[in-house]
Amino acid sequence: MDPPPKERERNILIVCEPCHRLIHAEPVPVRKLRARIASRPFGIRREILSALGYVPKSITPPDDQDFARVYDDTLKDFSGHYR
């Protein structure tokens, strides 16, 4: 069974052909490869996930949420005072 798209995306490194050859000729430490993957911009991650067939879960907010209170709470700091 194939791993889910999000797990596969974490292991994909997109490189040009010369860099691909260099990685095989002189192996790059895994930590450096993983650091490069982790620093990937969000837009690139989204494109890779899309190519892998990832479909994000849809989120439905609860009907009973008091959005005015939630908004008000986000403007307060922990002491209850507005910033």
PDB file of N, CA and C in Angstrom:
ATOM      1  N   MET A   1       0.846  -1.187   0.000  1.00  0.00           N
ATOM      2  CA  MET A   1       0.000   0.000   0.000  1.00  0.00           C
ATOM      3  C   MET A   1       0.890   1.249   0.000  1.00  0.00           C
ATOM      4  N   ASP A   2       0.554   2.195  -0.869  1.00  0.00           N
ATOM      5  CA  ASP A   2       1.319   3.441  -0.965  1.00  0.00           C
ATOM      6  C   ASP A   2       1.036   4.332   0.241  1.00  0.00           C
ATOM      7  N   PRO A   3       2.060   5.055   0.694  1.00  0.00           N
ATOM      8  CA  PRO A   3       1.809   6.005   1.788  1.00  0.00           C
ATOM      9  C   PRO A   3       0.911   7.138   1.294  1.00  0.00           C
ATOM     10  N   PRO A   4       0.222   7.814   2.214  1.00  0.00           N
ATOM     11  CA  PRO A   4      -0.652   8.926   1.819  1.00  0.00           C
ATOM     12  C   PRO A   4       0.155  10.050   1.169  1.00  0.00           C
ATOM     13  N   PRO A   5      -0.514  10.887   0.333  1.00  0.00           N
ATOM     14  CA  PRO A   5       0.202  11.954  -0.376  1.00  0.00           C
ATOM     15  C   PRO A   5       1.020  12.870   0.521  1.00  0.00           C
ATOM     16  N   LYS A   6       0.500  13.225   1.701  1.00  0.00           N
ATOM     17  CA  LYS A   6       1.264  14.128   2.577  1.00  0.00           C
ATOM     18  C   LYS A   6       2.576  13.489   3.009  1.00  0.00           C
ATOM     19  N   GLU A   7       2.560  12.196   3.260  1.00  0.00           N
ATOM     20  CA  GLU A   7       3.793  11.498   3.654  1.00  0.00           C
ATOM     21  C   GLU A   7       4.753  11.410   2.468  1.00  0.00           C
ATOM     22  N   ARG A   8       4.225  11.170   1.285  1.00  0.00           N
ATOM     23  CA  ARG A   8       5.076  11.099   0.094  1.00  0.00           C
ATOM     24  C   ARG A   8       5.685  12.465  -0.211  1.00  0.00           C
ATOM     25  N   GLU A   9       4.915  13.543  -0.036  1.00  0.00           N
ATOM     26  CA  GLU A   9       5.418  14.890  -0.319  1.00  0.00           C
ATOM     27  C   GLU A   9       6.615  15.222   0.551  1.00  0.00           C
ATOM     28  N   ARG A  10       6.627  14.719   1.777  1.00  0.00           N
ATOM     29  CA  ARG A  10       7.727  14.996   2.700  1.00  0.00           C
ATOM     30  C   ARG A  10       9.027  14.332   2.271  1.00  0.00           C
ATOM     31  N   ASN A  11       8.942  13.391   1.343  1.00  0.00           N
ATOM     32  CA  ASN A  11      10.133  12.660   0.903  1.00  0.00           C
ATOM     33  C   ASN A  11      10.544  12.977  -0.528  1.00  0.00           C
ATOM     34  N   ILE A  12       9.856  13.933  -1.150  1.00  0.00           N
ATOM     35  CA  ILE A  12      10.170  14.280  -2.535  1.00  0.00           C
ATOM     36  C   ILE A  12      11.044  15.524  -2.568  1.00  0.00           C
ATOM     37  N   LEU A  13      12.109  15.436  -3.300  1.00  0.00           N
ATOM     38  CA  LEU A  13      12.989  16.579  -3.505  1.00  0.00           C
ATOM     39  C   LEU A  13      13.062  16.822  -5.004  1.00  0.00           C
ATOM     40  N   ILE A  14      12.618  17.986  -5.440  1.00  0.00           N
ATOM     41  CA  ILE A  14      12.634  18.318  -6.859  1.00  0.00           C
ATOM     42  C   ILE A  14      13.932  19.059  -7.152  1.00  0.00           C
ATOM     43  N   VAL A  15      14.707  18.487  -8.068  1.00  0.00           N
ATOM     44  CA  VAL A  15      15.992  19.082  -8.435  1.00  0.00           C
ATOM     45  C   VAL A  15      16.152  19.033  -9.951  1.00  0.00           C
ATOM     46  N   CYS A  16      17.042  19.867 -10.458  1.00  0.00           N
ATOM     47  CA  CYS A  16      17.351  19.844 -11.889  1.00  0.00           C
ATOM     48  C   CYS A  16      18.200  18.597 -12.178  1.00  0.00           C
ATOM     49  N   GLU A  17      18.358  18.303 -13.446  1.00  0.00           N
ATOM     50  CA  GLU A  17      19.096  17.107 -13.849  1.00  0.00           C
ATOM     51  C   GLU A  17      20.547  17.106 -13.362  1.00  0.00           C
ATOM     52  N   PRO A  18      21.287  18.216 -13.493  1.00  0.00           N
ATOM     53  CA  PRO A  18      22.675  18.197 -12.987  1.00  0.00           C
ATOM     54  C   PRO A  18      22.747  17.935 -11.477  1.00  0.00           C
ATOM     55  N   CYS A  19      21.826  18.530 -10.725  1.00  0.00           N
ATOM     56  CA  CYS A  19      21.826  18.300  -9.271  1.00  0.00           C
ATOM     57  C   CYS A  19      21.460  16.852  -8.955  1.00  0.00           C
ATOM     58  N   HIS A  20      20.548  16.280  -9.718  1.00  0.00           N
ATOM     59  CA  HIS A  20      20.164  14.887  -9.515  1.00  0.00           C
ATOM     60  C   HIS A  20      21.370  13.972  -9.706  1.00  0.00           C
ATOM     61  N   ARG A  21      22.129  14.221 -10.751  1.00  0.00           N
ATOM     62  CA  ARG A  21      23.336  13.420 -10.983  1.00  0.00           C
ATOM     63  C   ARG A  21      24.335  13.605  -9.845  1.00  0.00           C
ATOM     64  N   LEU A  22      24.485  14.846  -9.385  1.00  0.00           N
ATOM     65  CA  LEU A  22      25.429  15.133  -8.306  1.00  0.00           C
ATOM     66  C   LEU A  22      25.029  14.405  -7.017  1.00  0.00           C
ATOM     67  N   ILE A  23      23.746  14.367  -6.714  1.00  0.00           N
ATOM     68  CA  ILE A  23      23.273  13.675  -5.505  1.00  0.00           C
ATOM     69  C   ILE A  23      23.662  12.197  -5.562  1.00  0.00           C
ATOM     70  N   HIS A  24      23.566  11.590  -6.756  1.00  0.00           N
ATOM     71  CA  HIS A  24      23.931  10.174  -6.880  1.00  0.00           C
ATOM     72  C   HIS A  24      25.438   9.969  -6.946  1.00  0.00           C
ATOM     73  N   ALA A  25      26.156  10.918  -7.522  1.00  0.00           N
ATOM     74  CA  ALA A  25      27.604  10.782  -7.634  1.00  0.00           C
ATOM     75  C   ALA A  25      28.294  11.007  -6.295  1.00  0.00           C
ATOM     76  N   GLU A  26      27.866  12.035  -5.593  1.00  0.00           N
ATOM     77  CA  GLU A  26      28.425  12.372  -4.282  1.00  0.00           C
ATOM     78  C   GLU A  26      27.248  12.547  -3.322  1.00  0.00           C
ATOM     79  N   PRO A  27      26.825  11.462  -2.689  1.00  0.00           N
ATOM     80  CA  PRO A  27      25.631  11.525  -1.864  1.00  0.00           C
ATOM     81  C   PRO A  27      25.650  12.673  -0.845  1.00  0.00           C
ATOM     82  N   VAL A  28      24.537  13.364  -0.778  1.00  0.00           N
ATOM     83  CA  VAL A  28      24.351  14.463   0.168  1.00  0.00           C
ATOM     84  C   VAL A  28      23.781  13.859   1.448  1.00  0.00           C
ATOM     85  N   PRO A  29      24.257  14.301   2.616  1.00  0.00           N
ATOM     86  CA  PRO A  29      23.714  13.764   3.866  1.00  0.00           C
ATOM     87  C   PRO A  29      22.192  13.948   3.938  1.00  0.00           C
ATOM     88  N   VAL A  30      21.520  12.949   4.457  1.00  0.00           N
ATOM     89  CA  VAL A  30      20.053  12.960   4.540  1.00  0.00           C
ATOM     90  C   VAL A  30      19.561  14.193   5.283  1.00  0.00           C
ATOM     91  N   ARG A  31      20.252  14.613   6.325  1.00  0.00           N
ATOM     92  CA  ARG A  31      19.799  15.783   7.094  1.00  0.00           C
ATOM     93  C   ARG A  31      19.755  17.035   6.221  1.00  0.00           C
ATOM     94  N   LYS A  32      20.706  17.154   5.297  1.00  0.00           N
ATOM     95  CA  LYS A  32      20.705  18.312   4.392  1.00  0.00           C
ATOM     96  C   LYS A  32      19.558  18.229   3.394  1.00  0.00           C
ATOM     97  N   LEU A  33      19.273  17.021   2.899  1.00  0.00           N
ATOM     98  CA  LEU A  33      18.145  16.851   1.983  1.00  0.00           C
ATOM     99  C   LEU A  33      16.832  17.173   2.691  1.00  0.00           C
ATOM    100  N   ARG A  34      16.676  16.664   3.917  1.00  0.00           N
ATOM    101  CA  ARG A  34      15.447  16.924   4.684  1.00  0.00           C
ATOM    102  C   ARG A  34      15.310  18.407   5.026  1.00  0.00           C
ATOM    103  N   ALA A  35      16.421  19.081   5.285  1.00  0.00           N
ATOM    104  CA  ALA A  35      16.369  20.522   5.572  1.00  0.00           C
ATOM    105  C   ALA A  35      15.908  21.284   4.334  1.00  0.00           C
ATOM    106  N   ARG A  36      16.365  20.863   3.163  1.00  0.00           N
ATOM    107  CA  ARG A  36      15.945  21.509   1.915  1.00  0.00           C
ATOM    108  C   ARG A  36      14.453  21.298   1.685  1.00  0.00           C
ATOM    109  N   ILE A  37      13.969  20.080   1.946  1.00  0.00           N
ATOM    110  CA  ILE A  37      12.542  19.793   1.789  1.00  0.00           C
ATOM    111  C   ILE A  37      11.727  20.621   2.775  1.00  0.00           C
ATOM    112  N   ALA A  38      12.189  20.717   4.012  1.00  0.00           N
ATOM    113  CA  ALA A  38      11.460  21.461   5.044  1.00  0.00           C
ATOM    114  C   ALA A  38      11.396  22.956   4.739  1.00  0.00           C
ATOM    115  N   SER A  39      12.358  23.473   3.999  1.00  0.00           N
ATOM    116  CA  SER A  39      12.376  24.907   3.708  1.00  0.00           C
ATOM    117  C   SER A  39      11.584  25.261   2.449  1.00  0.00           C
ATOM    118  N   ARG A  40      10.934  24.293   1.871  1.00  0.00           N
ATOM    119  CA  ARG A  40      10.163  24.494   0.645  1.00  0.00           C
ATOM    120  C   ARG A  40       9.009  25.460   0.893  1.00  0.00           C
ATOM    121  N   PRO A  41       8.784  26.436  -0.008  1.00  0.00           N
ATOM    122  CA  PRO A  41       7.672  27.375   0.154  1.00  0.00           C
ATOM    123  C   PRO A  41       6.316  26.663   0.101  1.00  0.00           C
ATOM    124  N   PHE A  42       5.328  27.249   0.767  1.00  0.00           N
ATOM    125  CA  PHE A  42       3.998  26.649   0.847  1.00  0.00           C
ATOM    126  C   PHE A  42       3.409  26.390  -0.536  1.00  0.00           C
ATOM    127  N   GLY A  43       3.570  27.328  -1.471  1.00  0.00           N
ATOM    128  CA  GLY A  43       3.009  27.161  -2.811  1.00  0.00           C
ATOM    129  C   GLY A  43       3.558  25.939  -3.527  1.00  0.00           C
ATOM    130  N   ILE A  44       4.847  25.699  -3.352  1.00  0.00           N
ATOM    131  CA  ILE A  44       5.473  24.523  -3.973  1.00  0.00           C
ATOM    132  C   ILE A  44       4.932  23.258  -3.334  1.00  0.00           C
ATOM    133  N   ARG A  45       4.806  23.254  -2.008  1.00  0.00           N
ATOM    134  CA  ARG A  45       4.245  22.082  -1.315  1.00  0.00           C
ATOM    135  C   ARG A  45       2.844  21.787  -1.818  1.00  0.00           C
ATOM    136  N   ARG A  46       2.038  22.846  -1.987  1.00  0.00           N
ATOM    137  CA  ARG A  46       0.665  22.684  -2.452  1.00  0.00           C
ATOM    138  C   ARG A  46       0.645  22.084  -3.857  1.00  0.00           C
ATOM    139  N   GLU A  47       1.533  22.547  -4.733  1.00  0.00           N
ATOM    140  CA  GLU A  47       1.587  22.003  -6.093  1.00  0.00           C
ATOM    141  C   GLU A  47       1.995  20.540  -6.102  1.00  0.00           C
ATOM    142  N   ILE A  48       2.965  20.173  -5.283  1.00  0.00           N
ATOM    143  CA  ILE A  48       3.395  18.769  -5.209  1.00  0.00           C
ATOM    144  C   ILE A  48       2.264  17.906  -4.689  1.00  0.00           C
ATOM    145  N   LEU A  49       1.606  18.361  -3.624  1.00  0.00           N
ATOM    146  CA  LEU A  49       0.483  17.587  -3.077  1.00  0.00           C
ATOM    147  C   LEU A  49      -0.620  17.415  -4.115  1.00  0.00           C
ATOM    148  N   SER A  50      -0.898  18.458  -4.874  1.00  0.00           N
ATOM    149  CA  SER A  50      -1.912  18.370  -5.922  1.00  0.00           C
ATOM    150  C   SER A  50      -1.511  17.327  -6.965  1.00  0.00           C
ATOM    151  N   ALA A  51      -0.233  17.341  -7.371  1.00  0.00           N
ATOM    152  CA  ALA A  51       0.254  16.364  -8.350  1.00  0.00           C
ATOM    153  C   ALA A  51       0.172  14.938  -7.815  1.00  0.00           C
ATOM    154  N   LEU A  52       0.293  14.788  -6.504  1.00  0.00           N
ATOM    155  CA  LEU A  52       0.204  13.463  -5.879  1.00  0.00           C
ATOM    156  C   LEU A  52      -1.231  13.021  -5.634  1.00  0.00           C
ATOM    157  N   GLY A  53      -2.192  13.914  -5.919  1.00  0.00           N
ATOM    158  CA  GLY A  53      -3.601  13.557  -5.754  1.00  0.00           C
ATOM    159  C   GLY A  53      -4.182  13.862  -4.390  1.00  0.00           C
ATOM    160  N   TYR A  54      -3.508  14.695  -3.610  1.00  0.00           N
ATOM    161  CA  TYR A  54      -4.007  15.033  -2.278  1.00  0.00           C
ATOM    162  C   TYR A  54      -5.206  15.965  -2.382  1.00  0.00           C
ATOM    163  N   VAL A  55      -6.257  15.644  -1.658  1.00  0.00           N
ATOM    164  CA  VAL A  55      -7.440  16.493  -1.588  1.00  0.00           C
ATOM    165  C   VAL A  55      -7.632  16.866  -0.121  1.00  0.00           C
ATOM    166  N   PRO A  56      -7.517  18.168   0.208  1.00  0.00           N
ATOM    167  CA  PRO A  56      -7.682  18.558   1.606  1.00  0.00           C
ATOM    168  C   PRO A  56      -9.092  18.276   2.103  1.00  0.00           C
ATOM    169  N   LYS A  57      -9.187  17.975   3.395  1.00  0.00           N
ATOM    170  CA  LYS A  57     -10.492  17.743   4.015  1.00  0.00           C
ATOM    171  C   LYS A  57     -11.251  19.061   4.072  1.00  0.00           C
ATOM    172  N   SER A  58     -12.530  18.981   3.816  1.00  0.00           N
ATOM    173  CA  SER A  58     -13.339  20.192   3.936  1.00  0.00           C
ATOM    174  C   SER A  58     -13.695  20.402   5.405  1.00  0.00           C
ATOM    175  N   ILE A  59     -13.764  21.644   5.786  1.00  0.00           N
ATOM    176  CA  ILE A  59     -14.056  21.986   7.182  1.00  0.00           C
ATOM    177  C   ILE A  59     -15.338  22.792   7.211  1.00  0.00           C
ATOM    178  N   THR A  60     -16.252  22.373   8.060  1.00  0.00           N
ATOM    179  CA  THR A  60     -17.507  23.087   8.239  1.00  0.00           C
ATOM    180  C   THR A  60     -17.516  23.654   9.651  1.00  0.00           C
ATOM    181  N   PRO A  61     -17.583  24.981   9.780  1.00  0.00           N
ATOM    182  CA  PRO A  61     -17.609  25.560  11.120  1.00  0.00           C
ATOM    183  C   PRO A  61     -18.899  25.184  11.841  1.00  0.00           C
ATOM    184  N   PRO A  62     -18.861  25.097  13.151  1.00  0.00           N
ATOM    185  CA  PRO A  62     -20.076  24.759  13.900  1.00  0.00           C
ATOM    186  C   PRO A  62     -21.121  25.862  13.750  1.00  0.00           C
ATOM    187  N   ASP A  63     -22.385  25.457  13.749  1.00  0.00           N
ATOM    188  CA  ASP A  63     -23.486  26.415  13.592  1.00  0.00           C
ATOM    189  C   ASP A  63     -23.690  27.278  14.828  1.00  0.00           C
ATOM    190  N   ASP A  64     -23.303  26.767  15.978  1.00  0.00           N
ATOM    191  CA  ASP A  64     -23.597  27.474  17.226  1.00  0.00           C
ATOM    192  C   ASP A  64     -22.463  28.398  17.676  1.00  0.00           C
ATOM    193  N   GLN A  65     -21.506  28.667  16.811  1.00  0.00           N
ATOM    194  CA  GLN A  65     -20.359  29.492  17.182  1.00  0.00           C
ATOM    195  C   GLN A  65     -20.735  30.973  17.221  1.00  0.00           C
ATOM    196  N   ASP A  66     -20.345  31.640  18.282  1.00  0.00           N
ATOM    197  CA  ASP A  66     -20.568  33.078  18.407  1.00  0.00           C
ATOM    198  C   ASP A  66     -19.321  33.775  17.857  1.00  0.00           C
ATOM    199  N   PHE A  67     -19.346  34.130  16.574  1.00  0.00           N
ATOM    200  CA  PHE A  67     -18.177  34.672  15.906  1.00  0.00           C
ATOM    201  C   PHE A  67     -17.761  36.037  16.458  1.00  0.00           C
ATOM    202  N   ALA A  68     -18.709  36.812  16.930  1.00  0.00           N
ATOM    203  CA  ALA A  68     -18.367  38.108  17.518  1.00  0.00           C
ATOM    204  C   ALA A  68     -17.517  37.905  18.767  1.00  0.00           C
ATOM    205  N   ARG A  69     -17.863  36.913  19.579  1.00  0.00           N
ATOM    206  CA  ARG A  69     -17.094  36.623  20.789  1.00  0.00           C
ATOM    207  C   ARG A  69     -15.713  36.078  20.436  1.00  0.00           C
ATOM    208  N   VAL A  70     -15.647  35.196  19.435  1.00  0.00           N
ATOM    209  CA  VAL A  70     -14.360  34.641  19.012  1.00  0.00           C
ATOM    210  C   VAL A  70     -13.453  35.761  18.522  1.00  0.00           C
ATOM    211  N   TYR A  71     -13.976  36.651  17.713  1.00  0.00           N
ATOM    212  CA  TYR A  71     -13.199  37.782  17.206  1.00  0.00           C
ATOM    213  C   TYR A  71     -12.718  38.652  18.359  1.00  0.00           C
ATOM    214  N   ASP A  72     -13.632  38.936  19.290  1.00  0.00           N
ATOM    215  CA  ASP A  72     -13.290  39.754  20.447  1.00  0.00           C
ATOM    216  C   ASP A  72     -12.181  39.097  21.269  1.00  0.00           C
ATOM    217  N   ASP A  73     -12.281  37.788  21.450  1.00  0.00           N
ATOM    218  CA  ASP A  73     -11.266  37.058  22.230  1.00  0.00           C
ATOM    219  C   ASP A  73      -9.901  37.081  21.559  1.00  0.00           C
ATOM    220  N   THR A  74      -9.860  37.115  20.234  1.00  0.00           N
ATOM    221  CA  THR A  74      -8.564  37.138  19.554  1.00  0.00           C
ATOM    222  C   THR A  74      -7.854  38.470  19.729  1.00  0.00           C
ATOM    223  N   LEU A  75      -8.598  39.516  20.058  1.00  0.00           N
ATOM    224  CA  LEU A  75      -7.986  40.831  20.251  1.00  0.00           C
ATOM    225  C   LEU A  75      -7.460  41.028  21.666  1.00  0.00           C
ATOM    226  N   LYS A  76      -7.796  40.135  22.552  1.00  0.00           N
ATOM    227  CA  LYS A  76      -7.369  40.265  23.945  1.00  0.00           C
ATOM    228  C   LYS A  76      -6.078  39.480  24.183  1.00  0.00           C
ATOM    229  N   ASP A  77      -5.268  39.968  25.096  1.00  0.00           N
ATOM    230  CA  ASP A  77      -4.126  39.168  25.496  1.00  0.00           C
ATOM    231  C   ASP A  77      -4.553  38.331  26.704  1.00  0.00           C
ATOM    232  N   PHE A  78      -3.633  37.597  27.310  1.00  0.00           N
ATOM    233  CA  PHE A  78      -3.991  36.693  28.392  1.00  0.00           C
ATOM    234  C   PHE A  78      -4.513  37.406  29.631  1.00  0.00           C
ATOM    235  N   SER A  79      -4.200  38.665  29.805  1.00  0.00           N
ATOM    236  CA  SER A  79      -4.681  39.373  30.996  1.00  0.00           C
ATOM    237  C   SER A  79      -6.087  39.925  30.798  1.00  0.00           C
ATOM    238  N   GLY A  80      -6.630  39.780  29.582  1.00  0.00           N
ATOM    239  CA  GLY A  80      -7.978  40.234  29.330  1.00  0.00           C
ATOM    240  C   GLY A  80      -8.047  41.673  28.851  1.00  0.00           C
ATOM    241  N   HIS A  81      -6.911  42.298  28.634  1.00  0.00           N
ATOM    242  CA  HIS A  81      -6.889  43.688  28.174  1.00  0.00           C
ATOM    243  C   HIS A  81      -6.675  43.718  26.663  1.00  0.00           C
ATOM    244  N   TYR A  82      -7.257  44.702  26.039  1.00  0.00           N
ATOM    245  CA  TYR A  82      -7.043  44.849  24.597  1.00  0.00           C
ATOM    246  C   TYR A  82      -5.640  45.392  24.368  1.00  0.00           C
ATOM    247  N   ARG A  83      -5.066  45.008  23.283  1.00  0.00           N
ATOM    248  CA  ARG A  83      -3.703  45.429  22.928  1.00  0.00           C
ATOM    249  C   ARG A  83      -3.721  46.806  22.369  1.00  0.00           C
TER     250      ARG A  83
END
